[in-house]
Amino acid sequence: MALPNHAPVRFTSRPVQESLKKRLSKHICSFVLSVLFLAAFITFLLWLALRPHRPRFHISSFSASPFPPPESSSPSFSVQIAIRNPNRKIGFFFGPISGSVYYRRNLIGSNSNMGGPFFQPPKNTKTVGARLSSRSIGPIDSAGMQNDLSENGSVGLKLVLKTTLRFRLSAWETHGARVMHVSCDVSLDPSGQIIAESKTRRCSIYFF
């Protein structure tokens, strides 16, 4: 039995003309993306040109008296910090600076008002100094410091600073201040004076 012949199926396509609304939407999206890309590129170039750097902290002087502190004594600490702004066009706004001195993670001195607030212009070095009062030194800390002196010839302490920092570029400045912690390792000789090596050591900076 012969099968009936079927005529070949022909498919026809009709060009669909995009509506004016779709074409306009595409042009707007392309324009917005181009503007965003250009803004990001300009921001990147500005960042490369300015290269913002963090402030640099060094201990310029540090002394303790009496030292080594006998048990139940309350020594005082005299501190001077050199703050350097290495940027060419960016200034810093510092908030009030507080400081604490630690020996083996034990707090042995503090001052809630070491300086600030103040503005530091570009390419500028500012010195902040203050005295830090001490609580009564316990027998463990007193014996530990005397033991460090007999074994190493020096006693290692840690100075921790806390402040806030904002940036300023020409007339533009950041509005949200960032909390900054500065950690400085310092070693004292038997007379309670900072050793030369500690003066050349840069302090570490942490933002929270």
C-alpha atoms as a PDB file:
ATOM      1  CA  MET A   1       0.000   0.000   0.000  1.00  0.00           C
ATOM      2  CA  ALA A   2       1.541   3.269  -1.013  1.00  0.00           C
ATOM      3  CA  LEU A   3       1.882   5.978   1.504  1.00  0.00           C
ATOM      4  CA  PRO A   4       0.369   9.317   0.632  1.00  0.00           C
ATOM      5  CA  ASN A   5       2.775  11.981  -0.385  1.00  0.00           C
ATOM      6  CA  HIS A   6       2.895  14.951   1.913  1.00  0.00           C
ATOM      7  CA  ALA A   7       3.916  18.322   0.756  1.00  0.00           C
ATOM      8  CA  PRO A   8       7.143  19.583   2.363  1.00  0.00           C
ATOM      9  CA  VAL A   9       6.614  21.798   5.350  1.00  0.00           C
ATOM     10  CA  ARG A  10       7.879  25.288   4.860  1.00  0.00           C
ATOM     11  CA  PHE A  11       8.849  27.486   7.788  1.00  0.00           C
ATOM     12  CA  THR A  12       8.663  31.176   7.330  1.00  0.00           C
ATOM     13  CA  SER A  13      10.313  33.713   9.601  1.00  0.00           C
ATOM     14  CA  ARG A  14       9.297  37.254  10.070  1.00  0.00           C
ATOM     15  CA  PRO A  15      11.688  39.809  11.427  1.00  0.00           C
ATOM     16  CA  VAL A  16      10.456  41.117  14.732  1.00  0.00           C
ATOM     17  CA  GLN A  17      11.037  44.771  15.057  1.00  0.00           C
ATOM     18  CA  GLU A  18      12.141  45.846  18.535  1.00  0.00           C
ATOM     19  CA  SER A  19       9.863  48.289  20.130  1.00  0.00           C
ATOM     20  CA  LEU A  20      11.050  51.811  20.772  1.00  0.00           C
ATOM     21  CA  LYS A  21      10.785  51.197  24.524  1.00  0.00           C
ATOM     22  CA  LYS A  22      13.231  48.257  24.444  1.00  0.00           C
ATOM     23  CA  ARG A  23      15.749  50.136  22.344  1.00  0.00           C
ATOM     24  CA  LEU A  24      15.558  53.124  24.655  1.00  0.00           C
ATOM     25  CA  SER A  25      16.102  50.877  27.691  1.00  0.00           C
ATOM     26  CA  LYS A  26      19.202  49.361  26.098  1.00  0.00           C
ATOM     27  CA  HIS A  27      20.666  52.771  25.364  1.00  0.00           C
ATOM     28  CA  ILE A  28      20.022  53.960  28.925  1.00  0.00           C
ATOM     29  CA  CYS A  29      21.633  50.840  30.427  1.00  0.00           C
ATOM     30  CA  SER A  30      24.669  51.241  28.177  1.00  0.00           C
ATOM     31  CA  PHE A  31      25.006  54.891  29.150  1.00  0.00           C
ATOM     32  CA  VAL A  32      24.742  54.170  32.897  1.00  0.00           C
ATOM     33  CA  LEU A  33      27.322  51.379  32.694  1.00  0.00           C
ATOM     34  CA  SER A  34      29.687  53.628  30.759  1.00  0.00           C
ATOM     35  CA  VAL A  35      29.366  56.387  33.367  1.00  0.00           C
ATOM     36  CA  LEU A  36      29.996  53.921  36.225  1.00  0.00           C
ATOM     37  CA  PHE A  37      33.029  52.485  34.487  1.00  0.00           C
ATOM     38  CA  LEU A  38      34.437  55.966  33.823  1.00  0.00           C
ATOM     39  CA  ALA A  39      33.886  57.018  37.447  1.00  0.00           C
ATOM     40  CA  ALA A  40      35.612  53.871  38.734  1.00  0.00           C
ATOM     41  CA  PHE A  41      38.510  54.419  36.362  1.00  0.00           C
ATOM     42  CA  ILE A  42      38.959  58.054  37.446  1.00  0.00           C
ATOM     43  CA  THR A  43      38.790  57.029  41.120  1.00  0.00           C
ATOM     44  CA  PHE A  44      41.447  54.411  40.510  1.00  0.00           C
ATOM     45  CA  LEU A  45      43.714  56.945  38.803  1.00  0.00           C
ATOM     46  CA  LEU A  46      43.272  59.393  41.689  1.00  0.00           C
ATOM     47  CA  TRP A  47      44.118  56.666  44.172  1.00  0.00           C
ATOM     48  CA  LEU A  48      47.271  55.813  42.236  1.00  0.00           C
ATOM     49  CA  ALA A  49      48.275  59.472  42.095  1.00  0.00           C
ATOM     50  CA  LEU A  50      47.631  60.191  45.777  1.00  0.00           C
ATOM     51  CA  ARG A  51      48.589  56.811  47.244  1.00  0.00           C
ATOM     52  CA  PRO A  52      47.215  57.424  50.742  1.00  0.00           C
ATOM     53  CA  HIS A  53      49.448  56.171  53.552  1.00  0.00           C
ATOM     54  CA  ARG A  54      48.720  55.556  57.202  1.00  0.00           C
ATOM     55  CA  PRO A  55      50.306  57.790  59.832  1.00  0.00           C
ATOM     56  CA  ARG A  56      53.602  56.574  61.282  1.00  0.00           C
ATOM     57  CA  PHE A  57      54.223  56.393  65.017  1.00  0.00           C
ATOM     58  CA  HIS A  58      57.589  56.207  66.787  1.00  0.00           C
ATOM     59  CA  ILE A  59      58.475  56.495  70.470  1.00  0.00           C
ATOM     60  CA  SER A  60      60.894  59.409  70.700  1.00  0.00           C
ATOM     61  CA  SER A  61      61.313  59.214  74.490  1.00  0.00           C
ATOM     62  CA  PHE A  62      60.104  56.949  77.286  1.00  0.00           C
ATOM     63  CA  SER A  63      61.183  56.749  80.913  1.00  0.00           C
ATOM     64  CA  ALA A  64      59.943  55.223  84.167  1.00  0.00           C
ATOM     65  CA  SER A  65      60.564  56.322  87.749  1.00  0.00           C
ATOM     66  CA  PRO A  66      61.295  54.626  90.084  1.00  0.00           C
ATOM     67  CA  PHE A  67      62.771  51.774  88.083  1.00  0.00           C
ATOM     68  CA  PRO A  68      62.770  48.890  88.522  1.00  0.00           C
ATOM     69  CA  PRO A  69      59.678  49.584  90.583  1.00  0.00           C
ATOM     70  CA  PRO A  70      59.681  47.936  94.003  1.00  0.00           C
ATOM     71  CA  GLU A  71      56.633  46.048  95.192  1.00  0.00           C
ATOM     72  CA  SER A  72      53.616  48.236  96.118  1.00  0.00           C
ATOM     73  CA  SER A  73      55.176  51.315  94.483  1.00  0.00           C
ATOM     74  CA  SER A  74      53.359  53.468  91.909  1.00  0.00           C
ATOM     75  CA  PRO A  75      55.866  54.493  89.241  1.00  0.00           C
ATOM     76  CA  SER A  76      55.126  57.163  86.674  1.00  0.00           C
ATOM     77  CA  PHE A  77      55.904  56.936  82.968  1.00  0.00           C
ATOM     78  CA  SER A  78      56.935  59.879  80.804  1.00  0.00           C
ATOM     79  CA  VAL A  79      56.183  59.334  77.109  1.00  0.00           C
ATOM     80  CA  GLN A  80      56.710  61.281  73.903  1.00  0.00           C
ATOM     81  CA  ILE A  81      55.346  59.982  70.593  1.00  0.00           C
ATOM     82  CA  ALA A  82      56.381  61.284  67.159  1.00  0.00           C
ATOM     83  CA  ILE A  83      53.510  61.120  64.638  1.00  0.00           C
ATOM     84  CA  ARG A  84      54.442  61.453  60.976  1.00  0.00           C
ATOM     85  CA  ASN A  85      52.036  62.184  58.111  1.00  0.00           C
ATOM     86  CA  PRO A  86      53.873  60.887  55.005  1.00  0.00           C
ATOM     87  CA  ASN A  87      51.187  61.918  52.508  1.00  0.00           C
ATOM     88  CA  ARG A  88      51.659  64.811  50.089  1.00  0.00           C
ATOM     89  CA  LYS A  89      48.066  66.003  49.882  1.00  0.00           C
ATOM     90  CA  ILE A  90      46.120  64.149  52.586  1.00  0.00           C
ATOM     91  CA  GLY A  91      45.736  65.516  56.108  1.00  0.00           C
ATOM     92  CA  PHE A  92      44.667  63.722  59.291  1.00  0.00           C
ATOM     93  CA  PHE A  93      42.108  64.648  61.930  1.00  0.00           C
ATOM     94  CA  PHE A  94      43.011  62.943  65.212  1.00  0.00           C
ATOM     95  CA  GLY A  95      40.575  62.598  68.067  1.00  0.00           C
ATOM     96  CA  PRO A  96      41.560  62.524  71.767  1.00  0.00           C
ATOM     97  CA  ILE A  97      44.446  60.108  72.402  1.00  0.00           C
ATOM     98  CA  SER A  98      44.502  57.735  75.361  1.00  0.00           C
ATOM     99  CA  GLY A  99      47.480  55.598  76.352  1.00  0.00           C
ATOM    100  CA  SER A 100      48.150  52.477  78.388  1.00  0.00           C
ATOM    101  CA  VAL A 101      51.368  50.736  79.458  1.00  0.00           C
ATOM    102  CA  TYR A 102      51.494  46.954  79.837  1.00  0.00           C
ATOM    103  CA  TYR A 103      54.014  44.555  81.281  1.00  0.00           C
ATOM    104  CA  ARG A 104      53.385  40.942  80.310  1.00  0.00           C
ATOM    105  CA  ARG A 105      49.759  41.835  79.447  1.00  0.00           C
ATOM    106  CA  ASN A 106      49.230  43.415  82.873  1.00  0.00           C
ATOM    107  CA  LEU A 107      48.142  47.077  82.898  1.00  0.00           C
ATOM    108  CA  ILE A 108      50.644  49.099  84.919  1.00  0.00           C
ATOM    109  CA  GLY A 109      50.025  52.671  83.708  1.00  0.00           C
ATOM    110  CA  SER A 110      47.440  54.773  81.853  1.00  0.00           C
ATOM    111  CA  ASN A 111      46.391  58.248  80.799  1.00  0.00           C
ATOM    112  CA  SER A 112      43.038  58.983  79.181  1.00  0.00           C
ATOM    113  CA  ASN A 113      44.124  62.389  77.820  1.00  0.00           C
ATOM    114  CA  MET A 114      47.528  62.335  76.113  1.00  0.00           C
ATOM    115  CA  GLY A 115      46.571  64.967  73.553  1.00  0.00           C
ATOM    116  CA  GLY A 116      44.122  65.856  70.823  1.00  0.00           C
ATOM    117  CA  PRO A 117      41.942  66.494  69.069  1.00  0.00           C
ATOM    118  CA  PHE A 118      44.100  68.138  66.391  1.00  0.00           C
ATOM    119  CA  PHE A 119      44.630  68.367  62.638  1.00  0.00           C
ATOM    120  CA  GLN A 120      47.900  67.236  61.085  1.00  0.00           C
ATOM    121  CA  PRO A 121      48.718  68.670  57.626  1.00  0.00           C
ATOM    122  CA  PRO A 122      50.528  66.688  54.918  1.00  0.00           C
ATOM    123  CA  LYS A 123      54.271  66.066  55.219  1.00  0.00           C
ATOM    124  CA  ASN A 124      54.250  67.005  58.886  1.00  0.00           C
ATOM    125  CA  THR A 125      55.653  65.482  62.091  1.00  0.00           C
ATOM    126  CA  LYS A 126      53.941  66.198  65.397  1.00  0.00           C
ATOM    127  CA  THR A 127      55.100  65.202  68.875  1.00  0.00           C
ATOM    128  CA  VAL A 128      52.601  64.258  71.567  1.00  0.00           C
ATOM    129  CA  GLY A 129      53.828  63.876  75.145  1.00  0.00           C
ATOM    130  CA  ALA A 130      52.275  63.067  78.502  1.00  0.00           C
ATOM    131  CA  ARG A 131      52.803  61.333  81.815  1.00  0.00           C
ATOM    132  CA  LEU A 132      51.033  58.086  82.588  1.00  0.00           C
ATOM    133  CA  SER A 133      50.127  57.317  86.195  1.00  0.00           C
ATOM    134  CA  SER A 134      50.514  53.828  87.593  1.00  0.00           C
ATOM    135  CA  ARG A 135      48.603  51.592  89.868  1.00  0.00           C
ATOM    136  CA  SER A 136      50.358  49.854  92.749  1.00  0.00           C
ATOM    137  CA  ILE A 137      52.850  47.358  91.317  1.00  0.00           C
ATOM    138  CA  GLY A 138      52.222  43.798  92.478  1.00  0.00           C
ATOM    139  CA  PRO A 139      54.941  41.435  93.701  1.00  0.00           C
ATOM    140  CA  ILE A 140      54.837  39.300  90.540  1.00  0.00           C
ATOM    141  CA  ASP A 141      55.387  42.246  88.180  1.00  0.00           C
ATOM    142  CA  SER A 142      58.081  43.774  90.387  1.00  0.00           C
ATOM    143  CA  ALA A 143      59.985  40.491  90.631  1.00  0.00           C
ATOM    144  CA  GLY A 144      59.544  39.880  86.903  1.00  0.00           C
ATOM    145  CA  MET A 145      61.079  43.239  85.939  1.00  0.00           C
ATOM    146  CA  GLN A 146      64.042  42.742  88.249  1.00  0.00           C
ATOM    147  CA  ASN A 147      64.565  39.268  86.804  1.00  0.00           C
ATOM    148  CA  ASP A 148      64.429  40.664  83.220  1.00  0.00           C
ATOM    149  CA  LEU A 149      67.095  43.222  84.082  1.00  0.00           C
ATOM    150  CA  SER A 150      69.409  40.618  85.598  1.00  0.00           C
ATOM    151  CA  GLU A 151      69.017  38.238  82.643  1.00  0.00           C
ATOM    152  CA  ASN A 152      68.626  40.552  79.631  1.00  0.00           C
ATOM    153  CA  GLY A 153      69.784  43.955  80.856  1.00  0.00           C
ATOM    154  CA  SER A 154      66.446  45.518  79.872  1.00  0.00           C
ATOM    155  CA  VAL A 155      62.720  45.301  80.538  1.00  0.00           C
ATOM    156  CA  GLY A 156      60.209  45.038  77.690  1.00  0.00           C
ATOM    157  CA  LEU A 157      56.978  47.016  77.949  1.00  0.00           C
ATOM    158  CA  LYS A 158      54.143  47.725  75.534  1.00  0.00           C
ATOM    159  CA  LEU A 159      52.559  51.129  74.963  1.00  0.00           C
ATOM    160  CA  VAL A 160      49.067  51.043  73.453  1.00  0.00           C
ATOM    161  CA  LEU A 161      47.410  54.196  72.107  1.00  0.00           C
ATOM    162  CA  LYS A 162      43.780  54.598  71.123  1.00  0.00           C
ATOM    163  CA  THR A 163      42.297  57.424  69.059  1.00  0.00           C
ATOM    164  CA  THR A 164      40.053  58.159  66.077  1.00  0.00           C
ATOM    165  CA  LEU A 165      41.192  59.168  62.612  1.00  0.00           C
ATOM    166  CA  ARG A 166      39.596  61.008  59.686  1.00  0.00           C
ATOM    167  CA  PHE A 167      41.141  61.925  56.349  1.00  0.00           C
ATOM    168  CA  ARG A 168      41.071  65.258  54.529  1.00  0.00           C
ATOM    169  CA  LEU A 169      41.925  65.922  50.885  1.00  0.00           C
ATOM    170  CA  SER A 170      41.705  69.611  49.941  1.00  0.00           C
ATOM    171  CA  ALA A 171      38.088  70.605  50.722  1.00  0.00           C
ATOM    172  CA  TRP A 172      36.877  67.002  50.909  1.00  0.00           C
ATOM    173  CA  GLU A 173      37.022  65.032  54.156  1.00  0.00           C
ATOM    174  CA  THR A 174      35.627  61.773  55.460  1.00  0.00           C
ATOM    175  CA  HIS A 175      32.732  62.073  57.889  1.00  0.00           C
ATOM    176  CA  GLY A 176      32.996  58.716  59.633  1.00  0.00           C
ATOM    177  CA  ALA A 177      35.962  58.580  62.032  1.00  0.00           C
ATOM    178  CA  ARG A 178      37.727  55.216  62.257  1.00  0.00           C
ATOM    179  CA  VAL A 179      38.915  53.877  65.607  1.00  0.00           C
ATOM    180  CA  MET A 180      42.674  53.365  65.517  1.00  0.00           C
ATOM    181  CA  HIS A 181      44.865  51.373  67.919  1.00  0.00           C
ATOM    182  CA  VAL A 182      48.636  51.866  67.994  1.00  0.00           C
ATOM    183  CA  SER A 183      50.892  49.248  69.599  1.00  0.00           C
ATOM    184  CA  CYS A 184      54.511  50.145  70.450  1.00  0.00           C
ATOM    185  CA  ASP A 185      57.122  47.796  71.913  1.00  0.00           C
ATOM    186  CA  VAL A 186      59.638  49.584  74.126  1.00  0.00           C
ATOM    187  CA  SER A 187      62.605  48.348  76.166  1.00  0.00           C
ATOM    188  CA  LEU A 188      64.032  50.181  79.194  1.00  0.00           C
ATOM    189  CA  ASP A 189      67.573  49.974  80.552  1.00  0.00           C
ATOM    190  CA  PRO A 190      68.368  49.660  84.288  1.00  0.00           C
ATOM    191  CA  SER A 191      68.054  53.442  84.712  1.00  0.00           C
ATOM    192  CA  GLY A 192      64.486  53.382  83.367  1.00  0.00           C
ATOM    193  CA  GLN A 193      65.375  55.065  80.057  1.00  0.00           C
ATOM    194  CA  ILE A 194      64.414  53.857  76.596  1.00  0.00           C
ATOM    195  CA  ILE A 195      67.148  52.007  74.706  1.00  0.00           C
ATOM    196  CA  ALA A 196      68.223  53.278  71.289  1.00  0.00           C
ATOM    197  CA  GLU A 197      66.809  50.280  69.421  1.00  0.00           C
ATOM    198  CA  SER A 198      63.273  51.075  70.577  1.00  0.00           C
ATOM    199  CA  LYS A 199      63.442  54.583  69.083  1.00  0.00           C
ATOM    200  CA  THR A 200      63.958  53.241  65.562  1.00  0.00           C
ATOM    201  CA  ARG A 201      61.150  50.701  65.827  1.00  0.00           C
ATOM    202  CA  ARG A 202      57.912  51.687  64.100  1.00  0.00           C
ATOM    203  CA  CYS A 203      54.696  51.100  66.019  1.00  0.00           C
ATOM    204  CA  SER A 204      51.989  48.832  64.612  1.00  0.00           C
ATOM    205  CA  ILE A 205      48.601  50.291  63.636  1.00  0.00           C
ATOM    206  CA  TYR A 206      45.237  48.530  63.694  1.00  0.00           C
ATOM    207  CA  PHE A 207      41.828  49.844  62.646  1.00  0.00           C
ATOM    208  CA  PHE A 208      38.540  48.624  64.129  1.00  0.00           C
END
